[in-house]
Amino acid sequence: MAYVITAPCLGEKFGECVDVCPVDCIAEGKDQYFIDPDICIDCGACQAVCPVDAIFHEEDMLPEDEMYLQKAREFFGAAE
């Protein structure tokens, strides 16, 4: 399981989440940040500092937010 950055981050890109991530699993995309679901250690540090409340644990996402997990998977799959 992993944390996922959802819609409130679109266009915001403050970046506090990147600074606190202990495993450097957050990367900047074109319109938002993404968390690599294969590297995330579920520590929750990013969620605690997100100024727009865009970060949710995968198990706590609403069905309409599941597309953001897929976007993250595609983002990191393309970067490999």
PDB file of N, CA and C in Angstrom:
ATOM      1  N   MET A   1       0.833  -1.186   0.000  1.00  0.00           N
ATOM      2  CA  MET A   1       0.000   0.000   0.000  1.00  0.00           C
ATOM      3  C   MET A   1       0.875   1.246   0.000  1.00  0.00           C
ATOM      4  N   ALA A   2       0.285   2.338  -0.465  1.00  0.00           N
ATOM      5  CA  ALA A   2       1.053   3.574  -0.597  1.00  0.00           C
ATOM      6  C   ALA A   2       0.145   4.772  -0.391  1.00  0.00           C
ATOM      7  N   TYR A   3       0.772   5.918  -0.217  1.00  0.00           N
ATOM      8  CA  TYR A   3       0.033   7.170  -0.201  1.00  0.00           C
ATOM      9  C   TYR A   3      -0.093   7.665  -1.637  1.00  0.00           C
ATOM     10  N   VAL A   4      -1.160   8.422  -1.889  1.00  0.00           N
ATOM     11  CA  VAL A   4      -1.464   8.890  -3.237  1.00  0.00           C
ATOM     12  C   VAL A   4      -1.787  10.378  -3.179  1.00  0.00           C
ATOM     13  N   ILE A   5      -1.265  11.123  -4.130  1.00  0.00           N
ATOM     14  CA  ILE A   5      -1.560  12.555  -4.229  1.00  0.00           C
ATOM     15  C   ILE A   5      -2.723  12.722  -5.200  1.00  0.00           C
ATOM     16  N   THR A   6      -3.772  13.415  -4.752  1.00  0.00           N
ATOM     17  CA  THR A   6      -5.017  13.509  -5.511  1.00  0.00           C
ATOM     18  C   THR A   6      -5.280  14.931  -6.018  1.00  0.00           C
ATOM     19  N   ALA A   7      -6.496  15.153  -6.491  1.00  0.00           N
ATOM     20  CA  ALA A   7      -6.905  16.374  -7.199  1.00  0.00           C
ATOM     21  C   ALA A   7      -6.527  17.707  -6.558  1.00  0.00           C
ATOM     22  N   PRO A   8      -6.614  17.878  -5.239  1.00  0.00           N
ATOM     23  CA  PRO A   8      -6.287  19.203  -4.703  1.00  0.00           C
ATOM     24  C   PRO A   8      -4.864  19.674  -5.027  1.00  0.00           C
ATOM     25  N   CYS A   9      -3.983  18.747  -5.402  1.00  0.00           N
ATOM     26  CA  CYS A   9      -2.607  19.111  -5.740  1.00  0.00           C
ATOM     27  C   CYS A   9      -2.485  19.655  -7.165  1.00  0.00           C
ATOM     28  N   LEU A  10      -3.454  19.392  -8.002  1.00  0.00           N
ATOM     29  CA  LEU A  10      -3.365  19.819  -9.395  1.00  0.00           C
ATOM     30  C   LEU A  10      -3.085  21.312  -9.479  1.00  0.00           C
ATOM     31  N   GLY A  11      -1.953  21.652 -10.037  1.00  0.00           N
ATOM     32  CA  GLY A  11      -1.583  23.044 -10.205  1.00  0.00           C
ATOM     33  C   GLY A  11      -1.013  23.722  -8.976  1.00  0.00           C
ATOM     34  N   GLU A  12      -1.028  23.089  -7.838  1.00  0.00           N
ATOM     35  CA  GLU A  12      -0.552  23.734  -6.605  1.00  0.00           C
ATOM     36  C   GLU A  12       0.948  23.561  -6.429  1.00  0.00           C
ATOM     37  N   LYS A  13       1.430  22.370  -6.414  1.00  0.00           N
ATOM     38  CA  LYS A  13       2.851  22.020  -6.353  1.00  0.00           C
ATOM     39  C   LYS A  13       3.677  22.834  -5.357  1.00  0.00           C
ATOM     40  N   PHE A  14       3.251  22.859  -4.106  1.00  0.00           N
ATOM     41  CA  PHE A  14       4.008  23.558  -3.070  1.00  0.00           C
ATOM     42  C   PHE A  14       5.324  22.851  -2.770  1.00  0.00           C
ATOM     43  N   GLY A  15       5.326  21.532  -2.666  1.00  0.00           N
ATOM     44  CA  GLY A  15       6.556  20.768  -2.523  1.00  0.00           C
ATOM     45  C   GLY A  15       6.991  20.405  -1.121  1.00  0.00           C
ATOM     46  N   GLU A  16       6.217  20.756  -0.109  1.00  0.00           N
ATOM     47  CA  GLU A  16       6.602  20.372   1.248  1.00  0.00           C
ATOM     48  C   GLU A  16       6.724  18.864   1.375  1.00  0.00           C
ATOM     49  N   CYS A  17       5.894  18.137   0.647  1.00  0.00           N
ATOM     50  CA  CYS A  17       5.903  16.674   0.709  1.00  0.00           C
ATOM     51  C   CYS A  17       7.245  16.107   0.255  1.00  0.00           C
ATOM     52  N   VAL A  18       7.823  16.706  -0.754  1.00  0.00           N
ATOM     53  CA  VAL A  18       9.113  16.247  -1.278  1.00  0.00           C
ATOM     54  C   VAL A  18      10.191  16.401  -0.208  1.00  0.00           C
ATOM     55  N   ASP A  19      10.171  17.513   0.483  1.00  0.00           N
ATOM     56  CA  ASP A  19      11.194  17.811   1.482  1.00  0.00           C
ATOM     57  C   ASP A  19      11.184  16.852   2.668  1.00  0.00           C
ATOM     58  N   VAL A  20      10.015  16.349   3.047  1.00  0.00           N
ATOM     59  CA  VAL A  20       9.929  15.495   4.241  1.00  0.00           C
ATOM     60  C   VAL A  20       9.992  14.000   3.946  1.00  0.00           C
ATOM     61  N   CYS A  21       9.897  13.604   2.712  1.00  0.00           N
ATOM     62  CA  CYS A  21       9.875  12.171   2.380  1.00  0.00           C
ATOM     63  C   CYS A  21      11.238  11.539   2.683  1.00  0.00           C
ATOM     64  N   PRO A  22      11.258  10.534   3.569  1.00  0.00           N
ATOM     65  CA  PRO A  22      12.541   9.929   3.948  1.00  0.00           C
ATOM     66  C   PRO A  22      13.125   8.986   2.896  1.00  0.00           C
ATOM     67  N   VAL A  23      12.324   8.597   1.902  1.00  0.00           N
ATOM     68  CA  VAL A  23      12.822   7.663   0.881  1.00  0.00           C
ATOM     69  C   VAL A  23      12.820   8.273  -0.520  1.00  0.00           C
ATOM     70  N   ASP A  24      12.612   9.557  -0.623  1.00  0.00           N
ATOM     71  CA  ASP A  24      12.627  10.266  -1.907  1.00  0.00           C
ATOM     72  C   ASP A  24      11.751   9.603  -2.969  1.00  0.00           C
ATOM     73  N   CYS A  25      10.514   9.305  -2.601  1.00  0.00           N
ATOM     74  CA  CYS A  25       9.618   8.643  -3.551  1.00  0.00           C
ATOM     75  C   CYS A  25       8.639   9.601  -4.215  1.00  0.00           C
ATOM     76  N   ILE A  26       8.794  10.902  -3.996  1.00  0.00           N
ATOM     77  CA  ILE A  26       7.881  11.888  -4.574  1.00  0.00           C
ATOM     78  C   ILE A  26       8.614  12.668  -5.655  1.00  0.00           C
ATOM     79  N   ALA A  27       7.980  12.737  -6.828  1.00  0.00           N
ATOM     80  CA  ALA A  27       8.580  13.444  -7.956  1.00  0.00           C
ATOM     81  C   ALA A  27       7.574  14.425  -8.538  1.00  0.00           C
ATOM     82  N   GLU A  28       8.097  15.479  -9.143  1.00  0.00           N
ATOM     83  CA  GLU A  28       7.252  16.508  -9.746  1.00  0.00           C
ATOM     84  C   GLU A  28       6.890  16.130 -11.168  1.00  0.00           C
ATOM     85  N   GLY A  29       5.595  16.097 -11.433  1.00  0.00           N
ATOM     86  CA  GLY A  29       5.095  15.873 -12.777  1.00  0.00           C
ATOM     87  C   GLY A  29       4.708  17.198 -13.405  1.00  0.00           C
ATOM     88  N   LYS A  30       4.089  17.130 -14.565  1.00  0.00           N
ATOM     89  CA  LYS A  30       3.719  18.344 -15.299  1.00  0.00           C
ATOM     90  C   LYS A  30       2.740  19.224 -14.519  1.00  0.00           C
ATOM     91  N   ASP A  31       1.716  18.609 -13.919  1.00  0.00           N
ATOM     92  CA  ASP A  31       0.681  19.393 -13.257  1.00  0.00           C
ATOM     93  C   ASP A  31       0.487  19.074 -11.779  1.00  0.00           C
ATOM     94  N   GLN A  32       1.265  18.137 -11.256  1.00  0.00           N
ATOM     95  CA  GLN A  32       1.157  17.778  -9.846  1.00  0.00           C
ATOM     96  C   GLN A  32       2.360  16.930  -9.448  1.00  0.00           C
ATOM     97  N   TYR A  33       2.466  16.655  -8.143  1.00  0.00           N
ATOM     98  CA  TYR A  33       3.474  15.720  -7.659  1.00  0.00           C
ATOM     99  C   TYR A  33       2.886  14.323  -7.664  1.00  0.00           C
ATOM    100  N   PHE A  34       3.773  13.334  -7.722  1.00  0.00           N
ATOM    101  CA  PHE A  34       3.367  11.934  -7.691  1.00  0.00           C
ATOM    102  C   PHE A  34       4.209  11.179  -6.680  1.00  0.00           C
ATOM    103  N   ILE A  35       3.589  10.191  -6.020  1.00  0.00           N
ATOM    104  CA  ILE A  35       4.285   9.308  -5.092  1.00  0.00           C
ATOM    105  C   ILE A  35       4.472   7.973  -5.779  1.00  0.00           C
ATOM    106  N   ASP A  36       5.703   7.480  -5.798  1.00  0.00           N
ATOM    107  CA  ASP A  36       5.985   6.182  -6.404  1.00  0.00           C
ATOM    108  C   ASP A  36       5.435   5.101  -5.476  1.00  0.00           C
ATOM    109  N   PRO A  37       4.393   4.383  -5.907  1.00  0.00           N
ATOM    110  CA  PRO A  37       3.765   3.390  -5.032  1.00  0.00           C
ATOM    111  C   PRO A  37       4.669   2.202  -4.725  1.00  0.00           C
ATOM    112  N   ASP A  38       5.710   1.990  -5.512  1.00  0.00           N
ATOM    113  CA  ASP A  38       6.623   0.876  -5.267  1.00  0.00           C
ATOM    114  C   ASP A  38       7.706   1.223  -4.252  1.00  0.00           C
ATOM    115  N   ILE A  39       7.917   2.516  -4.004  1.00  0.00           N
ATOM    116  CA  ILE A  39       8.964   2.942  -3.076  1.00  0.00           C
ATOM    117  C   ILE A  39       8.387   3.458  -1.756  1.00  0.00           C
ATOM    118  N   CYS A  40       7.178   3.996  -1.777  1.00  0.00           N
ATOM    119  CA  CYS A  40       6.537   4.566  -0.581  1.00  0.00           C
ATOM    120  C   CYS A  40       6.550   3.552   0.564  1.00  0.00           C
ATOM    121  N   ILE A  41       6.959   4.018   1.752  1.00  0.00           N
ATOM    122  CA  ILE A  41       7.024   3.138   2.925  1.00  0.00           C
ATOM    123  C   ILE A  41       5.865   3.386   3.895  1.00  0.00           C
ATOM    124  N   ASP A  42       4.871   4.117   3.465  1.00  0.00           N
ATOM    125  CA  ASP A  42       3.669   4.366   4.272  1.00  0.00           C
ATOM    126  C   ASP A  42       3.938   5.079   5.587  1.00  0.00           C
ATOM    127  N   CYS A  43       4.898   5.979   5.607  1.00  0.00           N
ATOM    128  CA  CYS A  43       5.230   6.663   6.858  1.00  0.00           C
ATOM    129  C   CYS A  43       4.245   7.788   7.193  1.00  0.00           C
ATOM    130  N   GLY A  44       3.612   8.379   6.171  1.00  0.00           N
ATOM    131  CA  GLY A  44       2.642   9.439   6.388  1.00  0.00           C
ATOM    132  C   GLY A  44       3.226  10.822   6.577  1.00  0.00           C
ATOM    133  N   ALA A  45       4.540  10.964   6.479  1.00  0.00           N
ATOM    134  CA  ALA A  45       5.162  12.281   6.667  1.00  0.00           C
ATOM    135  C   ALA A  45       4.639  13.288   5.648  1.00  0.00           C
ATOM    136  N   CYS A  46       4.449  12.855   4.421  1.00  0.00           N
ATOM    137  CA  CYS A  46       3.970  13.752   3.370  1.00  0.00           C
ATOM    138  C   CYS A  46       2.552  14.234   3.647  1.00  0.00           C
ATOM    139  N   GLN A  47       1.729  13.334   4.115  1.00  0.00           N
ATOM    140  CA  GLN A  47       0.334  13.678   4.393  1.00  0.00           C
ATOM    141  C   GLN A  47       0.249  14.751   5.480  1.00  0.00           C
ATOM    142  N   ALA A  48       1.101  14.650   6.466  1.00  0.00           N
ATOM    143  CA  ALA A  48       1.076  15.587   7.591  1.00  0.00           C
ATOM    144  C   ALA A  48       1.423  17.011   7.192  1.00  0.00           C
ATOM    145  N   VAL A  49       2.215  17.193   6.126  1.00  0.00           N
ATOM    146  CA  VAL A  49       2.641  18.543   5.753  1.00  0.00           C
ATOM    147  C   VAL A  49       1.940  19.101   4.517  1.00  0.00           C
ATOM    148  N   CYS A  50       1.092  18.330   3.890  1.00  0.00           N
ATOM    149  CA  CYS A  50       0.432  18.780   2.664  1.00  0.00           C
ATOM    150  C   CYS A  50      -0.500  19.962   2.960  1.00  0.00           C
ATOM    151  N   PRO A  51      -0.223  21.136   2.388  1.00  0.00           N
ATOM    152  CA  PRO A  51      -1.030  22.320   2.686  1.00  0.00           C
ATOM    153  C   PRO A  51      -2.405  22.315   2.026  1.00  0.00           C
ATOM    154  N   VAL A  52      -2.637  21.421   1.072  1.00  0.00           N
ATOM    155  CA  VAL A  52      -3.933  21.392   0.393  1.00  0.00           C
ATOM    156  C   VAL A  52      -4.692  20.085   0.656  1.00  0.00           C
ATOM    157  N   ASP A  53      -4.233  19.294   1.611  1.00  0.00           N
ATOM    158  CA  ASP A  53      -4.890  18.033   1.987  1.00  0.00           C
ATOM    159  C   ASP A  53      -5.169  17.146   0.778  1.00  0.00           C
ATOM    160  N   ALA A  54      -4.156  16.953  -0.044  1.00  0.00           N
ATOM    161  CA  ALA A  54      -4.308  16.174  -1.270  1.00  0.00           C
ATOM    162  C   ALA A  54      -3.807  14.737  -1.144  1.00  0.00           C
ATOM    163  N   ILE A  55      -3.183  14.392  -0.016  1.00  0.00           N
ATOM    164  CA  ILE A  55      -2.530  13.091   0.107  1.00  0.00           C
ATOM    165  C   ILE A  55      -3.354  12.161   0.995  1.00  0.00           C
ATOM    166  N   PHE A  56      -3.651  10.988   0.433  1.00  0.00           N
ATOM    167  CA  PHE A  56      -4.441   9.986   1.143  1.00  0.00           C
ATOM    168  C   PHE A  56      -3.775   8.631   1.040  1.00  0.00           C
ATOM    169  N   HIS A  57      -3.967   7.819   2.079  1.00  0.00           N
ATOM    170  CA  HIS A  57      -3.498   6.445   1.993  1.00  0.00           C
ATOM    171  C   HIS A  57      -4.363   5.737   0.964  1.00  0.00           C
ATOM    172  N   GLU A  58      -3.756   4.853   0.220  1.00  0.00           N
ATOM    173  CA  GLU A  58      -4.463   4.140  -0.854  1.00  0.00           C
ATOM    174  C   GLU A  58      -5.770   3.505  -0.361  1.00  0.00           C
ATOM    175  N   GLU A  59      -5.762   2.973   0.846  1.00  0.00           N
ATOM    176  CA  GLU A  59      -6.966   2.329   1.393  1.00  0.00           C
ATOM    177  C   GLU A  59      -8.062   3.324   1.743  1.00  0.00           C
ATOM    178  N   ASP A  60      -7.722   4.588   1.917  1.00  0.00           N
ATOM    179  CA  ASP A  60      -8.683   5.604   2.338  1.00  0.00           C
ATOM    180  C   ASP A  60      -9.199   6.470   1.195  1.00  0.00           C
ATOM    181  N   MET A  61      -8.753   6.197  -0.016  1.00  0.00           N
ATOM    182  CA  MET A  61      -9.179   7.017  -1.158  1.00  0.00           C
ATOM    183  C   MET A  61     -10.639   6.762  -1.504  1.00  0.00           C
ATOM    184  N   LEU A  62     -11.272   7.790  -2.003  1.00  0.00           N
ATOM    185  CA  LEU A  62     -12.620   7.656  -2.531  1.00  0.00           C
ATOM    186  C   LEU A  62     -12.523   7.003  -3.913  1.00  0.00           C
ATOM    187  N   PRO A  63     -13.560   6.325  -4.360  1.00  0.00           N
ATOM    188  CA  PRO A  63     -13.502   5.689  -5.684  1.00  0.00           C
ATOM    189  C   PRO A  63     -13.132   6.656  -6.809  1.00  0.00           C
ATOM    190  N   GLU A  64     -13.600   7.885  -6.723  1.00  0.00           N
ATOM    191  CA  GLU A  64     -13.299   8.850  -7.784  1.00  0.00           C
ATOM    192  C   GLU A  64     -11.834   9.306  -7.777  1.00  0.00           C
ATOM    193  N   ASP A  65     -11.106   8.995  -6.706  1.00  0.00           N
ATOM    194  CA  ASP A  65      -9.695   9.366  -6.632  1.00  0.00           C
ATOM    195  C   ASP A  65      -8.752   8.252  -7.074  1.00  0.00           C
ATOM    196  N   GLU A  66      -9.270   7.071  -7.348  1.00  0.00           N
ATOM    197  CA  GLU A  66      -8.425   5.934  -7.710  1.00  0.00           C
ATOM    198  C   GLU A  66      -7.630   6.194  -8.991  1.00  0.00           C
ATOM    199  N   MET A  67      -8.123   7.066  -9.835  1.00  0.00           N
ATOM    200  CA  MET A  67      -7.401   7.391 -11.062  1.00  0.00           C
ATOM    201  C   MET A  67      -6.036   8.021 -10.781  1.00  0.00           C
ATOM    202  N   TYR A  68      -5.890   8.666  -9.607  1.00  0.00           N
ATOM    203  CA  TYR A  68      -4.615   9.292  -9.264  1.00  0.00           C
ATOM    204  C   TYR A  68      -3.544   8.266  -8.920  1.00  0.00           C
ATOM    205  N   LEU A  69      -3.946   7.130  -8.379  1.00  0.00           N
ATOM    206  CA  LEU A  69      -2.990   6.045  -8.158  1.00  0.00           C
ATOM    207  C   LEU A  69      -2.523   5.507  -9.508  1.00  0.00           C
ATOM    208  N   GLN A  70      -3.437   5.357 -10.436  1.00  0.00           N
ATOM    209  CA  GLN A  70      -3.077   4.887 -11.775  1.00  0.00           C
ATOM    210  C   GLN A  70      -2.164   5.899 -12.476  1.00  0.00           C
ATOM    211  N   LYS A  71      -2.467   7.184 -12.308  1.00  0.00           N
ATOM    212  CA  LYS A  71      -1.603   8.222 -12.900  1.00  0.00           C
ATOM    213  C   LYS A  71      -0.190   8.128 -12.341  1.00  0.00           C
ATOM    214  N   ALA A  72      -0.068   7.877 -11.042  1.00  0.00           N
ATOM    215  CA  ALA A  72       1.255   7.753 -10.422  1.00  0.00           C
ATOM    216  C   ALA A  72       1.979   6.535 -10.966  1.00  0.00           C
ATOM    217  N   ARG A  73       1.282   5.416 -11.098  1.00  0.00           N
ATOM    218  CA  ARG A  73       1.894   4.208 -11.630  1.00  0.00           C
ATOM    219  C   ARG A  73       2.385   4.453 -13.055  1.00  0.00           C
ATOM    220  N   GLU A  74       1.577   5.119 -13.858  1.00  0.00           N
ATOM    221  CA  GLU A  74       1.959   5.416 -15.235  1.00  0.00           C
ATOM    222  C   GLU A  74       3.146   6.388 -15.275  1.00  0.00           C
ATOM    223  N   PHE A  75       3.134   7.384 -14.403  1.00  0.00           N
ATOM    224  CA  PHE A  75       4.217   8.360 -14.360  1.00  0.00           C
ATOM    225  C   PHE A  75       5.553   7.675 -14.059  1.00  0.00           C
ATOM    226  N   PHE A  76       5.585   6.833 -13.046  1.00  0.00           N
ATOM    227  CA  PHE A  76       6.832   6.174 -12.681  1.00  0.00           C
ATOM    228  C   PHE A  76       7.186   5.041 -13.620  1.00  0.00           C
ATOM    229  N   GLY A  77       6.203   4.421 -14.240  1.00  0.00           N
ATOM    230  CA  GLY A  77       6.488   3.380 -15.219  1.00  0.00           C
ATOM    231  C   GLY A  77       7.146   3.958 -16.455  1.00  0.00           C
ATOM    232  N   ALA A  78       6.718   5.154 -16.844  1.00  0.00           N
ATOM    233  CA  ALA A  78       7.282   5.816 -18.006  1.00  0.00           C
ATOM    234  C   ALA A  78       8.673   6.347 -17.732  1.00  0.00           C
ATOM    235  N   ALA A  79       8.973   6.624 -16.449  1.00  0.00           N
ATOM    236  CA  ALA A  79      10.267   7.190 -16.096  1.00  0.00           C
ATOM    237  C   ALA A  79      11.365   6.140 -16.007  1.00  0.00           C
ATOM    238  N   GLU A  80      10.987   4.882 -15.972  1.00  0.00           N
ATOM    239  CA  GLU A  80      11.986   3.809 -15.825  1.00  0.00           C
ATOM    240  C   GLU A  80      12.768   3.585 -17.076  1.00  0.00           C
TER     241      GLU A  80
END
